[in-house]
């Protein structure tokens, strides 16, 4: 879990990559992708491999 004032190289790299992608791609899609990757990194990603209905 990301802690305040604790270095997290993976999170930093994801943020830098996401910010640079915003210039080249569809910003809403980049933001959604970043949040999904962030949730996965934190261990609380939603299950997207099957229908939830």
Protein backbone atom coordinates (compact mmCIF):
# COMPACT_ATOMS: atom_id res chain seq x y z
CA UNK A 1 0.00 0.00 0.00
CA UNK A 2 1.28 3.46 -0.86
CA UNK A 3 2.27 5.40 2.22
CA UNK A 4 2.72 9.14 2.53
CA UNK A 5 6.35 10.24 2.23
CA UNK A 6 7.48 6.69 1.37
CA UNK A 7 9.19 6.20 -2.00
CA UNK A 8 7.33 3.97 -4.43
CA UNK A 9 9.22 3.59 -7.72
CA UNK A 10 6.44 1.63 -9.43
CA UNK A 11 3.79 4.23 -8.60
CA UNK A 12 6.11 7.03 -9.69
CA UNK A 13 6.81 5.34 -13.02
CA UNK A 14 3.08 4.74 -13.58
CA UNK A 15 2.30 8.40 -12.85
CA UNK A 16 5.04 9.74 -15.12
CA UNK A 17 3.96 7.37 -17.91
CA UNK A 18 0.32 8.32 -17.48
CA UNK A 19 1.02 12.04 -17.54
CA UNK A 20 3.14 11.77 -20.68
CA UNK A 21 0.44 9.62 -22.33
CA UNK A 22 -2.23 12.27 -21.71
CA UNK A 23 -0.57 14.46 -24.34
CA UNK A 24 -0.64 11.69 -26.95
CA UNK A 25 -3.84 9.79 -26.23
CA UNK A 26 -7.44 10.13 -25.09
CA UNK A 27 -7.15 11.64 -21.55
CA UNK A 28 -10.26 9.95 -20.09
CA UNK A 29 -9.00 6.54 -21.26
CA UNK A 30 -5.54 7.23 -19.82
CA UNK A 31 -7.01 8.25 -16.47
CA UNK A 32 -9.23 5.15 -16.33
CA UNK A 33 -6.27 2.94 -17.19
CA UNK A 34 -4.12 4.62 -14.55
CA UNK A 35 -6.75 4.06 -11.87
CA UNK A 36 -7.13 0.39 -12.81
CA UNK A 37 -3.35 -0.10 -12.67
CA UNK A 38 -3.20 1.74 -9.35
CA UNK A 39 -5.91 -0.46 -7.87
CA UNK A 40 -4.05 -3.54 -9.12
CA UNK A 41 -0.79 -2.32 -7.57
CA UNK A 42 -2.61 -1.80 -4.26
CA UNK A 43 -4.16 -5.27 -4.41
CA UNK A 44 -7.79 -4.20 -4.69
CA UNK A 45 -8.42 -4.36 -8.44
CA UNK A 46 -11.94 -5.21 -9.59
CA UNK A 47 -12.50 -8.57 -11.23
CA UNK A 48 -12.82 -7.93 -14.95
CA UNK A 49 -12.45 -11.49 -16.19
CA UNK A 50 -16.13 -12.39 -15.85
CA UNK A 51 -19.55 -10.76 -15.94
CA UNK A 52 -20.70 -9.54 -12.52
CA UNK A 53 -24.39 -9.57 -13.35
